[in-house]
Amino acid sequence: MYDLPARFHTQLAREQRRCISDQYGTEIRIHETLLASPMRTLDPTQAEFFFVPIYPECYLFRANQQHGKEGLAMTNRWARLSPKL
């Protein structure tokens, strides 16, 4: 699992509580489950699966609140750039 700054995942979830409890909370539950998994490794040579923890729905909720119709386009740009940041 990649260790990204909280602004890409847990900080967004704290700011946008809706994304925790609705259908999009799945991305949060997957992240939490993988963090707690006894099969998790920090050694990339042993990994069979890589997970990049970003919460795009939480970002979308915030972007829509702050920027209206432009929120979806902003979220798409953010999701494409997140792994590079």
N, C-alpha and C. Protein backbone atom coordinates (compact mmCIF):
# COMPACT_ATOMS: atom_id res chain seq x y z
N MET A 1 0.85 -1.16 0.00
CA MET A 1 0.00 0.00 0.00
C MET A 1 0.90 1.23 0.00
N TYR A 2 0.57 2.13 -0.88
CA TYR A 2 1.36 3.36 -0.95
C TYR A 2 0.96 4.27 0.21
N ASP A 3 1.95 4.90 0.80
CA ASP A 3 1.73 5.78 1.94
C ASP A 3 1.64 7.21 1.43
N LEU A 4 0.45 7.63 1.05
CA LEU A 4 0.24 8.99 0.56
C LEU A 4 -0.13 9.91 1.73
N PRO A 5 0.08 11.21 1.55
CA PRO A 5 -0.35 12.15 2.59
C PRO A 5 -1.85 12.06 2.85
N ALA A 6 -2.25 12.36 4.08
CA ALA A 6 -3.66 12.27 4.49
C ALA A 6 -4.59 13.12 3.63
N ARG A 7 -4.08 14.16 2.99
CA ARG A 7 -4.96 15.02 2.17
C ARG A 7 -5.59 14.25 1.01
N PHE A 8 -5.05 13.09 0.68
CA PHE A 8 -5.61 12.28 -0.40
C PHE A 8 -6.66 11.29 0.07
N HIS A 9 -6.75 11.09 1.39
CA HIS A 9 -7.69 10.07 1.87
C HIS A 9 -8.30 10.44 3.21
N THR A 10 -7.65 10.18 4.32
CA THR A 10 -8.30 10.33 5.62
C THR A 10 -8.72 11.76 5.94
N GLN A 11 -7.96 12.73 5.52
CA GLN A 11 -8.35 14.13 5.74
C GLN A 11 -9.63 14.45 4.97
N LEU A 12 -9.73 13.97 3.76
CA LEU A 12 -10.96 14.17 2.97
C LEU A 12 -12.15 13.52 3.65
N ALA A 13 -11.96 12.33 4.19
CA ALA A 13 -13.06 11.64 4.86
C ALA A 13 -13.52 12.40 6.10
N ARG A 14 -12.58 12.99 6.83
CA ARG A 14 -12.96 13.79 8.00
C ARG A 14 -13.74 15.03 7.58
N GLU A 15 -13.34 15.65 6.49
CA GLU A 15 -14.01 16.87 6.02
C GLU A 15 -15.37 16.58 5.41
N GLN A 16 -15.51 15.45 4.75
CA GLN A 16 -16.74 15.10 4.03
C GLN A 16 -17.34 13.84 4.65
N ARG A 17 -18.00 13.99 5.77
CA ARG A 17 -18.54 12.85 6.51
C ARG A 17 -19.50 12.02 5.67
N ARG A 18 -20.17 12.64 4.70
CA ARG A 18 -21.11 11.91 3.86
C ARG A 18 -20.43 10.74 3.15
N CYS A 19 -19.21 10.91 2.74
CA CYS A 19 -18.55 9.85 1.97
C CYS A 19 -18.22 8.63 2.83
N ILE A 20 -18.33 8.76 4.13
CA ILE A 20 -18.09 7.61 5.01
C ILE A 20 -19.33 6.72 5.08
N SER A 21 -20.50 7.34 5.09
CA SER A 21 -21.72 6.58 5.35
C SER A 21 -22.53 6.20 4.12
N ASP A 22 -22.25 6.78 2.97
CA ASP A 22 -23.04 6.40 1.81
C ASP A 22 -22.34 5.31 1.00
N GLN A 23 -22.83 5.04 -0.18
CA GLN A 23 -22.30 3.93 -0.98
C GLN A 23 -20.83 4.10 -1.32
N TYR A 24 -20.34 5.32 -1.34
CA TYR A 24 -18.95 5.55 -1.71
C TYR A 24 -17.99 5.29 -0.55
N GLY A 25 -18.53 4.99 0.60
CA GLY A 25 -17.70 4.63 1.73
C GLY A 25 -16.92 3.35 1.50
N THR A 26 -17.24 2.64 0.44
CA THR A 26 -16.52 1.41 0.11
C THR A 26 -15.03 1.66 -0.06
N GLU A 27 -14.66 2.76 -0.71
CA GLU A 27 -13.24 3.04 -0.91
C GLU A 27 -12.54 3.23 0.44
N ILE A 28 -13.26 3.76 1.43
CA ILE A 28 -12.70 3.93 2.77
C ILE A 28 -12.59 2.59 3.46
N ARG A 29 -13.62 1.78 3.36
CA ARG A 29 -13.60 0.46 4.02
C ARG A 29 -12.52 -0.44 3.42
N ILE A 30 -12.33 -0.38 2.13
CA ILE A 30 -11.26 -1.17 1.51
C ILE A 30 -9.91 -0.74 2.06
N HIS A 31 -9.67 0.54 2.13
CA HIS A 31 -8.41 1.07 2.65
C HIS A 31 -8.19 0.61 4.10
N GLU A 32 -9.20 0.76 4.94
CA GLU A 32 -9.08 0.36 6.34
C GLU A 32 -8.83 -1.14 6.48
N THR A 33 -9.50 -1.93 5.67
CA THR A 33 -9.32 -3.38 5.71
C THR A 33 -7.91 -3.77 5.31
N LEU A 34 -7.39 -3.15 4.26
CA LEU A 34 -6.04 -3.45 3.83
C LEU A 34 -5.00 -3.02 4.85
N LEU A 35 -5.23 -1.88 5.51
CA LEU A 35 -4.29 -1.43 6.55
C LEU A 35 -4.18 -2.44 7.68
N ALA A 36 -5.31 -3.08 8.01
CA ALA A 36 -5.34 -4.02 9.13
C ALA A 36 -5.01 -5.45 8.74
N SER A 37 -4.82 -5.71 7.47
CA SER A 37 -4.61 -7.08 7.00
C SER A 37 -3.28 -7.66 7.47
N PRO A 38 -3.30 -8.88 7.97
CA PRO A 38 -2.04 -9.54 8.34
C PRO A 38 -1.21 -9.90 7.11
N MET A 39 -1.81 -9.83 5.94
CA MET A 39 -1.09 -10.15 4.70
C MET A 39 -0.39 -8.93 4.12
N ARG A 40 -0.59 -7.77 4.72
CA ARG A 40 0.03 -6.55 4.22
C ARG A 40 1.54 -6.61 4.40
N THR A 41 2.24 -6.14 3.40
CA THR A 41 3.69 -6.07 3.48
C THR A 41 4.14 -4.66 3.10
N LEU A 42 5.22 -4.23 3.68
CA LEU A 42 5.82 -2.96 3.31
C LEU A 42 6.95 -3.15 2.30
N ASP A 43 7.21 -4.40 1.97
CA ASP A 43 8.26 -4.74 1.01
C ASP A 43 7.64 -4.93 -0.37
N PRO A 44 7.87 -4.00 -1.29
CA PRO A 44 7.24 -4.11 -2.61
C PRO A 44 7.65 -5.35 -3.40
N THR A 45 8.79 -5.95 -3.07
CA THR A 45 9.20 -7.16 -3.79
C THR A 45 8.36 -8.37 -3.37
N GLN A 46 7.70 -8.29 -2.20
CA GLN A 46 6.83 -9.38 -1.74
C GLN A 46 5.37 -9.16 -2.12
N ALA A 47 5.04 -7.98 -2.55
CA ALA A 47 3.64 -7.63 -2.81
C ALA A 47 3.14 -8.25 -4.11
N GLU A 48 1.90 -8.66 -4.08
CA GLU A 48 1.22 -9.16 -5.28
C GLU A 48 0.16 -8.19 -5.75
N PHE A 49 -0.13 -7.21 -4.92
CA PHE A 49 -1.18 -6.24 -5.20
C PHE A 49 -0.74 -4.90 -4.62
N PHE A 50 -0.94 -3.84 -5.37
CA PHE A 50 -0.61 -2.51 -4.89
C PHE A 50 -1.89 -1.68 -4.83
N PHE A 51 -2.05 -0.94 -3.75
CA PHE A 51 -3.23 -0.12 -3.54
C PHE A 51 -2.79 1.32 -3.33
N VAL A 52 -3.39 2.22 -4.10
CA VAL A 52 -3.11 3.65 -3.96
C VAL A 52 -4.32 4.27 -3.26
N PRO A 53 -4.17 4.67 -2.00
CA PRO A 53 -5.32 5.14 -1.22
C PRO A 53 -5.70 6.59 -1.51
N ILE A 54 -6.57 6.77 -2.48
CA ILE A 54 -7.16 8.08 -2.71
C ILE A 54 -8.68 7.92 -2.64
N TYR A 55 -9.34 8.96 -2.16
CA TYR A 55 -10.80 8.94 -1.99
C TYR A 55 -11.43 9.97 -2.93
N PRO A 56 -11.58 9.61 -4.19
CA PRO A 56 -12.09 10.60 -5.15
C PRO A 56 -13.52 11.07 -4.88
N GLU A 57 -14.36 10.22 -4.31
CA GLU A 57 -15.73 10.67 -4.03
C GLU A 57 -15.74 11.74 -2.94
N CYS A 58 -14.90 11.59 -1.94
CA CYS A 58 -14.82 12.62 -0.90
C CYS A 58 -14.34 13.94 -1.52
N TYR A 59 -13.36 13.84 -2.40
CA TYR A 59 -12.86 15.03 -3.09
C TYR A 59 -13.97 15.65 -3.93
N LEU A 60 -14.73 14.81 -4.64
CA LEU A 60 -15.83 15.30 -5.48
C LEU A 60 -16.87 16.04 -4.66
N PHE A 61 -17.25 15.50 -3.51
CA PHE A 61 -18.24 16.17 -2.67
C PHE A 61 -17.76 17.57 -2.30
N ARG A 62 -16.49 17.68 -1.90
CA ARG A 62 -15.94 18.99 -1.54
C ARG A 62 -15.85 19.92 -2.74
N ALA A 63 -15.38 19.39 -3.86
CA ALA A 63 -15.25 20.22 -5.06
C ALA A 63 -16.62 20.73 -5.53
N ASN A 64 -17.64 19.88 -5.45
CA ASN A 64 -18.98 20.32 -5.84
C ASN A 64 -19.49 21.41 -4.91
N GLN A 65 -19.22 21.28 -3.62
CA GLN A 65 -19.65 22.31 -2.67
C GLN A 65 -18.95 23.64 -2.94
N GLN A 66 -17.68 23.57 -3.26
CA GLN A 66 -16.89 24.79 -3.42
C GLN A 66 -16.96 25.39 -4.82
N HIS A 67 -17.17 24.53 -5.85
CA HIS A 67 -17.04 25.02 -7.22
C HIS A 67 -18.21 24.68 -8.13
N GLY A 68 -19.24 24.08 -7.59
CA GLY A 68 -20.43 23.77 -8.39
C GLY A 68 -20.15 22.83 -9.54
N LYS A 69 -20.61 23.20 -10.71
CA LYS A 69 -20.51 22.33 -11.90
C LYS A 69 -19.08 21.99 -12.28
N GLU A 70 -18.15 22.82 -11.94
CA GLU A 70 -16.74 22.56 -12.27
C GLU A 70 -16.14 21.46 -11.38
N GLY A 71 -16.85 21.08 -10.33
CA GLY A 71 -16.34 20.11 -9.37
C GLY A 71 -15.96 18.77 -9.99
N LEU A 72 -16.76 18.27 -10.91
CA LEU A 72 -16.45 16.97 -11.53
C LEU A 72 -15.18 17.04 -12.36
N ALA A 73 -15.01 18.09 -13.15
CA ALA A 73 -13.80 18.24 -13.96
C ALA A 73 -12.57 18.37 -13.05
N MET A 74 -12.72 19.11 -11.95
CA MET A 74 -11.61 19.26 -11.01
C MET A 74 -11.23 17.92 -10.39
N THR A 75 -12.24 17.12 -10.06
CA THR A 75 -11.99 15.81 -9.45
C THR A 75 -11.29 14.89 -10.44
N ASN A 76 -11.69 14.92 -11.69
CA ASN A 76 -11.03 14.08 -12.69
C ASN A 76 -9.56 14.46 -12.83
N ARG A 77 -9.26 15.76 -12.83
CA ARG A 77 -7.86 16.20 -12.93
C ARG A 77 -7.09 15.75 -11.68
N TRP A 78 -7.70 15.91 -10.51
CA TRP A 78 -7.05 15.55 -9.25
C TRP A 78 -6.74 14.05 -9.23
N ALA A 79 -7.69 13.23 -9.63
CA ALA A 79 -7.48 11.77 -9.60
C ALA A 79 -6.36 11.34 -10.55
N ARG A 80 -6.26 12.00 -11.67
CA ARG A 80 -5.19 11.65 -12.62
C ARG A 80 -3.83 12.09 -12.10
N LEU A 81 -3.79 13.15 -11.33
CA LEU A 81 -2.52 13.68 -10.84
C LEU A 81 -2.10 13.12 -9.49
N SER A 82 -3.04 12.62 -8.70
CA SER A 82 -2.75 12.20 -7.32
C SER A 82 -1.54 11.28 -7.19
N PRO A 83 -1.44 10.22 -7.97
CA PRO A 83 -0.28 9.33 -7.79
C PRO A 83 1.06 10.01 -8.09
N LYS A 84 1.02 11.11 -8.83
CA LYS A 84 2.27 11.79 -9.18
C LYS A 84 2.67 12.82 -8.14
N LEU A 85 1.76 13.17 -7.23
CA LEU A 85 2.04 14.24 -6.27
C LEU A 85 2.82 13.75 -5.07
